[in-house]
C-alpha atoms as a PDB file:
ATOM      1  CA  MET A   1      53.436  64.977 -20.149  1.00  0.00           C
ATOM      2  CA  LEU A   2      51.335  63.387 -17.396  1.00  0.00           C
ATOM      3  CA  PRO A   3      51.662  64.612 -13.817  1.00  0.00           C
ATOM      4  CA  SER A   4      53.991  62.531 -11.646  1.00  0.00           C
ATOM      5  CA  PHE A   5      51.189  61.513  -9.262  1.00  0.00           C
ATOM      6  CA  ILE A   6      49.158  59.668 -11.987  1.00  0.00           C
ATOM      7  CA  PRO A   7      51.046  56.369 -11.701  1.00  0.00           C
ATOM      8  CA  TYR A   8      50.398  56.288  -7.979  1.00  0.00           C
ATOM      9  CA  GLN A   9      46.668  56.848  -8.567  1.00  0.00           C
ATOM     10  CA  VAL A  10      46.575  53.981 -11.056  1.00  0.00           C
ATOM     11  CA  GLU A  11      48.431  51.728  -8.648  1.00  0.00           C
ATOM     12  CA  ASP A  12      46.032  52.677  -5.812  1.00  0.00           C
ATOM     13  CA  CYS A  13      43.022  51.908  -7.999  1.00  0.00           C
ATOM     14  CA  TYR A  14      44.528  48.541  -8.899  1.00  0.00           C
ATOM     15  CA  LEU A  15      45.016  47.697  -5.228  1.00  0.00           C
ATOM     16  CA  VAL A  16      41.439  48.770  -4.425  1.00  0.00           C
ATOM     17  CA  LEU A  17      40.019  46.622  -7.229  1.00  0.00           C
ATOM     18  CA  LYS A  18      42.141  43.668  -6.175  1.00  0.00           C
ATOM     19  CA  THR A  19      40.954  44.043  -2.565  1.00  0.00           C
ATOM     20  CA  MET A  20      37.304  44.296  -3.640  1.00  0.00           C
ATOM     21  CA  LYS A  21      37.678  41.161  -5.762  1.00  0.00           C
ATOM     22  CA  ALA A  22      39.066  39.287  -2.769  1.00  0.00           C
ATOM     23  CA  VAL A  23      36.193  40.507  -0.577  1.00  0.00           C
ATOM     24  CA  TYR A  24      33.600  39.413  -3.148  1.00  0.00           C
ATOM     25  CA  PHE A  25      35.243  35.996  -3.437  1.00  0.00           C
ATOM     26  CA  LEU A  26      35.272  35.582   0.348  1.00  0.00           C
ATOM     27  CA  ALA A  27      31.603  36.628   0.612  1.00  0.00           C
ATOM     28  CA  ALA A  28      30.615  34.182  -2.139  1.00  0.00           C
ATOM     29  CA  PHE A  29      32.574  31.414  -0.421  1.00  0.00           C
ATOM     30  CA  VAL A  30      30.850  32.083   2.926  1.00  0.00           C
ATOM     31  CA  LEU A  31      27.391  32.157   1.301  1.00  0.00           C
ATOM     32  CA  LEU A  32      28.125  28.909  -0.502  1.00  0.00           C
ATOM     33  CA  GLY A  33      29.170  27.311   2.774  1.00  0.00           C
ATOM     34  CA  LEU A  34      26.018  28.499   4.501  1.00  0.00           C
ATOM     35  CA  ALA A  35      23.844  27.280   1.627  1.00  0.00           C
ATOM     36  CA  SER A  36      25.502  23.881   1.722  1.00  0.00           C
ATOM     37  CA  LYS A  37      24.892  23.605   5.437  1.00  0.00           C
ATOM     38  CA  LEU A  38      21.259  24.657   5.124  1.00  0.00           C
ATOM     39  CA  ALA A  39      20.731  22.202   2.282  1.00  0.00           C
ATOM     40  CA  SER A  40      22.140  19.251   4.220  1.00  0.00           C
ATOM     41  CA  ALA A  41      19.655  16.364   4.130  1.00  0.00           C
ATOM     42  CA  SER A  42      21.361  13.959   6.463  1.00  0.00           C
ATOM     43  CA  ASP A  43      22.212  13.726  10.143  1.00  0.00           C
ATOM     44  CA  PRO A  44      25.332  15.633  11.314  1.00  0.00           C
ATOM     45  CA  SER A  45      28.579  13.706  10.999  1.00  0.00           C
ATOM     46  CA  PRO A  46      29.999  12.377  14.275  1.00  0.00           C
ATOM     47  CA  LEU A  47      33.244  13.840  15.582  1.00  0.00           C
ATOM     48  CA  GLN A  48      34.365  10.621  17.273  1.00  0.00           C
ATOM     49  CA  ASP A  49      34.515   6.859  16.608  1.00  0.00           C
ATOM     50  CA  PHE A  50      31.204   6.238  18.354  1.00  0.00           C
ATOM     51  CA  CYS A  51      28.794   7.761  20.854  1.00  0.00           C
ATOM     52  CA  ILE A  52      26.867   5.024  22.670  1.00  0.00           C
ATOM     53  CA  ALA A  53      23.669   6.661  23.906  1.00  0.00           C
ATOM     54  CA  VAL A  54      23.043   6.613  27.652  1.00  0.00           C
ATOM     55  CA  ASN A  55      20.435   8.245  29.863  1.00  0.00           C
ATOM     56  CA  ASP A  56      22.442   8.118  33.069  1.00  0.00           C
ATOM     57  CA  ALA A  57      24.549  11.247  33.413  1.00  0.00           C
ATOM     58  CA  LYS A  58      26.583   9.559  36.150  1.00  0.00           C
ATOM     59  CA  ASN A  59      27.998   7.007  33.704  1.00  0.00           C
ATOM     60  CA  GLY A  60      28.095   9.264  30.657  1.00  0.00           C
ATOM     61  CA  VAL A  61      30.380  11.846  29.161  1.00  0.00           C
ATOM     62  CA  PHE A  62      29.636  14.715  26.802  1.00  0.00           C
ATOM     63  CA  THR A  63      31.050  14.057  23.343  1.00  0.00           C
ATOM     64  CA  ASN A  64      30.181  16.078  20.252  1.00  0.00           C
ATOM     65  CA  GLY A  65      27.397  17.738  22.222  1.00  0.00           C
ATOM     66  CA  LYS A  66      25.837  14.367  23.119  1.00  0.00           C
ATOM     67  CA  LEU A  67      25.578  12.474  26.372  1.00  0.00           C
ATOM     68  CA  CYS A  68      27.462   9.293  25.597  1.00  0.00           C
ATOM     69  CA  LYS A  69      28.759   6.279  27.397  1.00  0.00           C
ATOM     70  CA  ASP A  70      32.411   6.558  28.342  1.00  0.00           C
ATOM     71  CA  PRO A  71      34.206   4.948  25.350  1.00  0.00           C
ATOM     72  CA  LYS A  72      36.461   3.066  27.766  1.00  0.00           C
ATOM     73  CA  LEU A  73      33.374   1.273  29.112  1.00  0.00           C
ATOM     74  CA  ALA A  74      32.051   0.229  25.685  1.00  0.00           C
ATOM     75  CA  THR A  75      31.423  -3.477  25.034  1.00  0.00           C
ATOM     76  CA  PRO A  76      30.449  -5.509  21.924  1.00  0.00           C
ATOM     77  CA  GLU A  77      26.875  -5.631  23.276  1.00  0.00           C
ATOM     78  CA  ASP A  78      26.562  -1.894  22.617  1.00  0.00           C
ATOM     79  CA  PHE A  79      26.780  -2.640  18.883  1.00  0.00           C
ATOM     80  CA  PHE A  80      24.700  -5.827  18.819  1.00  0.00           C
ATOM     81  CA  PHE A  81      21.034  -6.665  18.225  1.00  0.00           C
ATOM     82  CA  SER A  82      19.383 -10.080  18.246  1.00  0.00           C
ATOM     83  CA  GLY A  83      15.905 -11.165  17.194  1.00  0.00           C
ATOM     84  CA  LEU A  84      15.422  -9.714  13.721  1.00  0.00           C
ATOM     85  CA  ASN A  85      14.582 -13.257  12.593  1.00  0.00           C
ATOM     86  CA  ILE A  86      11.433 -13.241  14.756  1.00  0.00           C
ATOM     87  CA  PRO A  87       8.252 -12.397  12.758  1.00  0.00           C
ATOM     88  CA  GLY A  88       6.327  -9.304  13.794  1.00  0.00           C
ATOM     89  CA  ASN A  89       2.675  -9.535  14.883  1.00  0.00           C
ATOM     90  CA  THR A  90       0.529  -8.582  11.875  1.00  0.00           C
ATOM     91  CA  SER A  91      -2.852  -9.082  13.582  1.00  0.00           C
ATOM     92  CA  ASN A  92      -3.916  -5.446  13.294  1.00  0.00           C
ATOM     93  CA  GLN A  93      -6.138  -3.393  11.005  1.00  0.00           C
ATOM     94  CA  VAL A  94      -3.539  -3.009   8.266  1.00  0.00           C
ATOM     95  CA  GLY A  95      -1.973  -6.466   8.484  1.00  0.00           C
ATOM     96  CA  SER A  96       1.631  -5.382   8.884  1.00  0.00           C
ATOM     97  CA  MET A  97       4.208  -4.654  11.567  1.00  0.00           C
ATOM     98  CA  VAL A  98       7.387  -2.579  11.516  1.00  0.00           C
ATOM     99  CA  THR A  99      10.079  -3.802  13.940  1.00  0.00           C
ATOM    100  CA  PRO A 100      13.001  -1.423  14.526  1.00  0.00           C
ATOM    101  CA  VAL A 101      16.583  -2.390  15.317  1.00  0.00           C
ATOM    102  CA  ILE A 102      17.428  -0.772  18.654  1.00  0.00           C
ATOM    103  CA  VAL A 103      21.213  -0.487  19.036  1.00  0.00           C
ATOM    104  CA  SER A 104      22.595   2.202  21.332  1.00  0.00           C
ATOM    105  CA  GLY A 105      25.885   2.121  19.398  1.00  0.00           C
ATOM    106  CA  LEU A 106      24.106   3.524  16.311  1.00  0.00           C
ATOM    107  CA  ASN A 107      23.697   6.887  18.025  1.00  0.00           C
ATOM    108  CA  THR A 108      25.006   9.784  15.821  1.00  0.00           C
ATOM    109  CA  PHE A 109      25.715   7.472  12.844  1.00  0.00           C
ATOM    110  CA  GLY A 110      22.766   8.735  10.798  1.00  0.00           C
ATOM    111  CA  ILE A 111      21.301   5.343   9.862  1.00  0.00           C
ATOM    112  CA  SER A 112      18.533   3.019  11.059  1.00  0.00           C
ATOM    113  CA  LEU A 113      17.143  -0.391  10.133  1.00  0.00           C
ATOM    114  CA  VAL A 114      13.705  -2.027  10.391  1.00  0.00           C
ATOM    115  CA  ARG A 115      12.037  -5.334   9.588  1.00  0.00           C
ATOM    116  CA  ILE A 116       8.569  -5.174   8.013  1.00  0.00           C
ATOM    117  CA  ASP A 117       6.186  -8.151   8.154  1.00  0.00           C
ATOM    118  CA  PHE A 118       3.084  -8.432   5.972  1.00  0.00           C
ATOM    119  CA  ALA A 119       0.088 -10.743   6.368  1.00  0.00           C
ATOM    120  CA  PRO A 120      -0.956 -12.732   3.235  1.00  0.00           C
ATOM    121  CA  TYR A 121      -3.130 -11.027   0.599  1.00  0.00           C
ATOM    122  CA  VAL A 122      -3.953  -7.879   2.569  1.00  0.00           C
ATOM    123  CA  GLY A 123      -0.840  -6.877   4.492  1.00  0.00           C
ATOM    124  CA  LEU A 124      -0.257  -3.171   3.942  1.00  0.00           C
ATOM    125  CA  ASN A 125       2.317  -0.701   5.202  1.00  0.00           C
ATOM    126  CA  PRO A 126      -0.019   2.290   4.688  1.00  0.00           C
ATOM    127  CA  LEU A 127       0.718   5.530   2.864  1.00  0.00           C
ATOM    128  CA  HIS A 128       3.316   7.376   4.911  1.00  0.00           C
ATOM    129  CA  THR A 129       6.371   9.610   4.710  1.00  0.00           C
ATOM    130  CA  HIS A 130       9.737   9.855   6.446  1.00  0.00           C
ATOM    131  CA  PRO A 131      10.461  13.589   6.823  1.00  0.00           C
ATOM    132  CA  ARG A 132      14.145  13.069   7.589  1.00  0.00           C
ATOM    133  CA  ALA A 133      15.234  10.025   5.580  1.00  0.00           C
ATOM    134  CA  THR A 134      15.498   8.253   2.270  1.00  0.00           C
ATOM    135  CA  GLU A 135      14.527   4.576   2.516  1.00  0.00           C
ATOM    136  CA  ILE A 136      16.001   1.585   0.682  1.00  0.00           C
ATOM    137  CA  LEU A 137      13.969  -1.627   0.936  1.00  0.00           C
ATOM    138  CA  VAL A 138      14.908  -5.225   0.104  1.00  0.00           C
ATOM    139  CA  VAL A 139      12.364  -8.061  -0.085  1.00  0.00           C
ATOM    140  CA  VAL A 140      13.456 -11.390   1.411  1.00  0.00           C
ATOM    141  CA  GLN A 141      10.142 -13.249   1.288  1.00  0.00           C
ATOM    142  CA  GLY A 142       6.852 -12.922  -0.601  1.00  0.00           C
ATOM    143  CA  THR A 143       5.636 -10.517  -3.272  1.00  0.00           C
ATOM    144  CA  LEU A 144       5.152  -6.801  -2.613  1.00  0.00           C
ATOM    145  CA  TYR A 145       3.537  -4.087  -4.694  1.00  0.00           C
ATOM    146  CA  VAL A 146       5.317  -0.845  -3.726  1.00  0.00           C
ATOM    147  CA  GLY A 147       5.274   2.740  -4.854  1.00  0.00           C
ATOM    148  CA  PHE A 148       5.733   6.437  -4.132  1.00  0.00           C
ATOM    149  CA  VAL A 149       4.216   9.701  -5.359  1.00  0.00           C
ATOM    150  CA  THR A 150       6.267  12.752  -6.328  1.00  0.00           C
ATOM    151  CA  SER A 151       5.580  16.239  -5.002  1.00  0.00           C
ATOM    152  CA  ASN A 152       3.311  18.899  -6.543  1.00  0.00           C
ATOM    153  CA  PRO A 153       2.499  19.760  -9.223  1.00  0.00           C
ATOM    154  CA  ASP A 154       3.258  16.499 -11.066  1.00  0.00           C
ATOM    155  CA  ASN A 155       2.216  13.965  -8.385  1.00  0.00           C
ATOM    156  CA  ARG A 156       3.635  11.139 -10.500  1.00  0.00           C
ATOM    157  CA  LEU A 157       3.149   7.604  -9.207  1.00  0.00           C
ATOM    158  CA  PHE A 158       6.108   5.190  -9.435  1.00  0.00           C
ATOM    159  CA  THR A 159       5.220   1.549  -8.695  1.00  0.00           C
ATOM    160  CA  LYS A 160       6.896  -1.829  -8.941  1.00  0.00           C
ATOM    161  CA  VAL A 161       6.138  -5.450  -8.025  1.00  0.00           C
ATOM    162  CA  LEU A 162       9.017  -6.817  -5.953  1.00  0.00           C
ATOM    163  CA  TYR A 163      10.118 -10.396  -5.403  1.00  0.00           C
ATOM    164  CA  PRO A 164      12.736 -11.883  -3.031  1.00  0.00           C
ATOM    165  CA  GLY A 165      16.082 -10.213  -3.657  1.00  0.00           C
ATOM    166  CA  ASP A 166      14.579  -7.109  -5.268  1.00  0.00           C
ATOM    167  CA  VAL A 167      15.443  -3.626  -3.978  1.00  0.00           C
ATOM    168  CA  PHE A 168      13.491  -0.355  -4.218  1.00  0.00           C
ATOM    169  CA  VAL A 169      14.284   3.198  -3.070  1.00  0.00           C
ATOM    170  CA  PHE A 170      11.787   5.702  -1.617  1.00  0.00           C
ATOM    171  CA  PRO A 171      13.082   9.300  -1.813  1.00  0.00           C
ATOM    172  CA  LEU A 172      13.201  11.465   1.288  1.00  0.00           C
ATOM    173  CA  GLY A 173       9.876  12.969   2.364  1.00  0.00           C
ATOM    174  CA  LEU A 174       7.727  11.449  -0.409  1.00  0.00           C
ATOM    175  CA  ILE A 175       4.510   9.514   0.291  1.00  0.00           C
ATOM    176  CA  HIS A 176       5.023   5.775  -0.234  1.00  0.00           C
ATOM    177  CA  PHE A 177       3.581   2.352   0.602  1.00  0.00           C
ATOM    178  CA  GLN A 178       4.166  -1.410   0.456  1.00  0.00           C
ATOM    179  CA  PHE A 179       1.342  -3.953  -0.127  1.00  0.00           C
ATOM    180  CA  ASN A 180       1.485  -7.763   0.011  1.00  0.00           C
ATOM    181  CA  ILE A 181      -0.184  -9.136  -3.125  1.00  0.00           C
ATOM    182  CA  GLY A 182       1.068 -12.708  -2.587  1.00  0.00           C
ATOM    183  CA  HIS A 183      -0.568 -15.770  -1.066  1.00  0.00           C
ATOM    184  CA  THR A 184       2.022 -16.087   1.723  1.00  0.00           C
ATOM    185  CA  ASN A 185       3.551 -13.910   4.412  1.00  0.00           C
ATOM    186  CA  ALA A 186       5.975 -11.313   3.120  1.00  0.00           C
ATOM    187  CA  VAL A 187       9.083  -9.969   4.815  1.00  0.00           C
ATOM    188  CA  ALA A 188      11.243  -6.982   3.898  1.00  0.00           C
ATOM    189  CA  PHE A 189      14.100  -5.092   5.513  1.00  0.00           C
ATOM    190  CA  ALA A 190      14.500  -1.345   5.131  1.00  0.00           C
ATOM    191  CA  ALA A 191      17.447   0.923   5.892  1.00  0.00           C
ATOM    192  CA  LEU A 192      16.908   4.657   6.374  1.00  0.00           C
ATOM    193  CA  SER A 193      19.382   7.514   6.107  1.00  0.00           C
ATOM    194  CA  SER A 194      18.682   8.967   9.550  1.00  0.00           C
ATOM    195  CA  GLN A 195      19.015   7.851  13.137  1.00  0.00           C
ATOM    196  CA  ASN A 196      15.493   9.217  13.648  1.00  0.00           C
ATOM    197  CA  PRO A 197      13.753   9.238  10.241  1.00  0.00           C
ATOM    198  CA  GLY A 198      10.310  10.083  11.614  1.00  0.00           C
ATOM    199  CA  VAL A 199       7.061   8.564  10.344  1.00  0.00           C
ATOM    200  CA  VAL A 200       3.903  10.386   9.267  1.00  0.00           C
ATOM    201  CA  THR A 201       1.132   7.915   8.423  1.00  0.00           C
ATOM    202  CA  ILE A 202      -1.192   9.950   6.219  1.00  0.00           C
ATOM    203  CA  ALA A 203      -4.587   8.565   7.241  1.00  0.00           C
ATOM    204  CA  ASN A 204      -3.686   8.552  10.939  1.00  0.00           C
ATOM    205  CA  ALA A 205      -2.404  12.116  10.837  1.00  0.00           C
ATOM    206  CA  VAL A 206      -5.382  13.471   8.887  1.00  0.00           C
ATOM    207  CA  PHE A 207      -8.308  11.592  10.439  1.00  0.00           C
ATOM    208  CA  GLY A 208      -6.822  10.464  13.751  1.00  0.00           C
ATOM    209  CA  SER A 209      -5.131  13.649  14.945  1.00  0.00           C
ATOM    210  CA  ASP A 210      -5.307  14.798  18.555  1.00  0.00           C
ATOM    211  CA  ALA A 211      -7.393  16.990  18.639  1.00  0.00           C
ATOM    212  CA  ASP A 212      -9.595  16.488  15.576  1.00  0.00           C
ATOM    213  CA  ILE A 213      -9.075  18.691  12.557  1.00  0.00           C
ATOM    214  CA  ASN A 214     -12.198  20.747  11.855  1.00  0.00           C
ATOM    215  CA  PRO A 215     -14.457  18.477   9.698  1.00  0.00           C
ATOM    216  CA  ASP A 216     -15.287  21.413   7.431  1.00  0.00           C
ATOM    217  CA  VAL A 217     -11.585  21.698   6.571  1.00  0.00           C
ATOM    218  CA  LEU A 218     -11.288  18.002   5.718  1.00  0.00           C
ATOM    219  CA  ALA A 219     -14.591  17.927   3.814  1.00  0.00           C
ATOM    220  CA  LYS A 220     -13.391  20.804   1.640  1.00  0.00           C
ATOM    221  CA  ALA A 221      -9.857  19.476   1.212  1.00  0.00           C
ATOM    222  CA  PHE A 222     -10.895  15.939   0.221  1.00  0.00           C
ATOM    223  CA  GLN A 223     -14.172  16.898  -1.485  1.00  0.00           C
ATOM    224  CA  LEU A 224     -16.104  14.591   0.866  1.00  0.00           C
ATOM    225  CA  ASP A 225     -19.461  14.779   2.551  1.00  0.00           C
ATOM    226  CA  LYS A 226     -19.050  16.053   6.109  1.00  0.00           C
ATOM    227  CA  ASN A 227     -20.816  12.950   7.481  1.00  0.00           C
ATOM    228  CA  ILE A 228     -18.159  10.743   5.895  1.00  0.00           C
ATOM    229  CA  VAL A 229     -15.433  12.881   7.501  1.00  0.00           C
ATOM    230  CA  ASN A 230     -17.131  12.537  10.896  1.00  0.00           C
ATOM    231  CA  GLN A 231     -17.295   8.775  10.390  1.00  0.00           C
ATOM    232  CA  LEU A 232     -13.614   8.570   9.483  1.00  0.00           C
ATOM    233  CA  GLN A 233     -12.617  10.673  12.484  1.00  0.00           C
ATOM    234  CA  SER A 234     -14.616   8.424  14.822  1.00  0.00           C
ATOM    235  CA  ARG A 235     -12.659   5.322  13.794  1.00  0.00           C
ATOM    236  CA  PHE A 236      -9.715   3.873  15.686  1.00  0.00           C
ATOM    237  CA  TRP A 237      -6.566   4.320  13.615  1.00  0.00           C
ATOM    238  CA  SER A 238      -4.091   1.622  14.612  1.00  0.00           C
ATOM    239  CA  ASP A 239      -0.336   2.099  14.462  1.00  0.00           C
ATOM    240  CA  ASN A 240       1.829  -0.647  12.916  1.00  0.00           C
ATOM    241  CA  ASP A 241       5.112   1.122  13.646  1.00  0.00           C
ATOM    242  CA  ASN A 242       7.036   0.185  16.774  1.00  0.00           C
ATOM    243  CA  ARG A 243       9.570   2.983  16.222  1.00  0.00           C
ATOM    244  CA  ASN A 244       7.256   5.555  17.797  1.00  0.00           C
END
């Protein structure tokens, strides 16, 4: 016959195991929550209907950690933009111009919109990346050759010729471009999944940095003669992006 205290030991062990299981579940749940937060690839969600950006603290209130216009003072003009029908000036080295939509009412909404104009034949929105946004582009005029390159080690190139009404997506952070191969001006509109998507134009960043990257580094990285690197660094690298 078993001692009378055995059942109590079994019951205690069961309670301990049950408690440990609950602790493990809670720990896994917390880690999953933290991982999800760290893996977030979009702007934080707003905690209010809108947060119209203002610079004047006197007329602003803190909402969701932001300095915002008092919602009671909001007007339709805070959510309005006019002039996206006006062509951008493409008389620059790359033959294109990016015109952003500036609307203070978009603050905290995690989206942005631009118009891109391309000169005939040679208009190029050069190789660049958006470190904080995926881009979706729609062509409304002209013919564009567009593409993006995947990350290492594959470096696959995806390209497409787009006509009016066509849409193409450029994944977050990947190098991409748009090039006018038509005989007329081209126009496209692009929406991005961040209020501040950021732009890194590859050639400008590499050869037009302030201060210059050591030419020996660039010569080795691009397998170029150092004199060619010096020549590239001495050039003026224009900026076609009015968002900066």
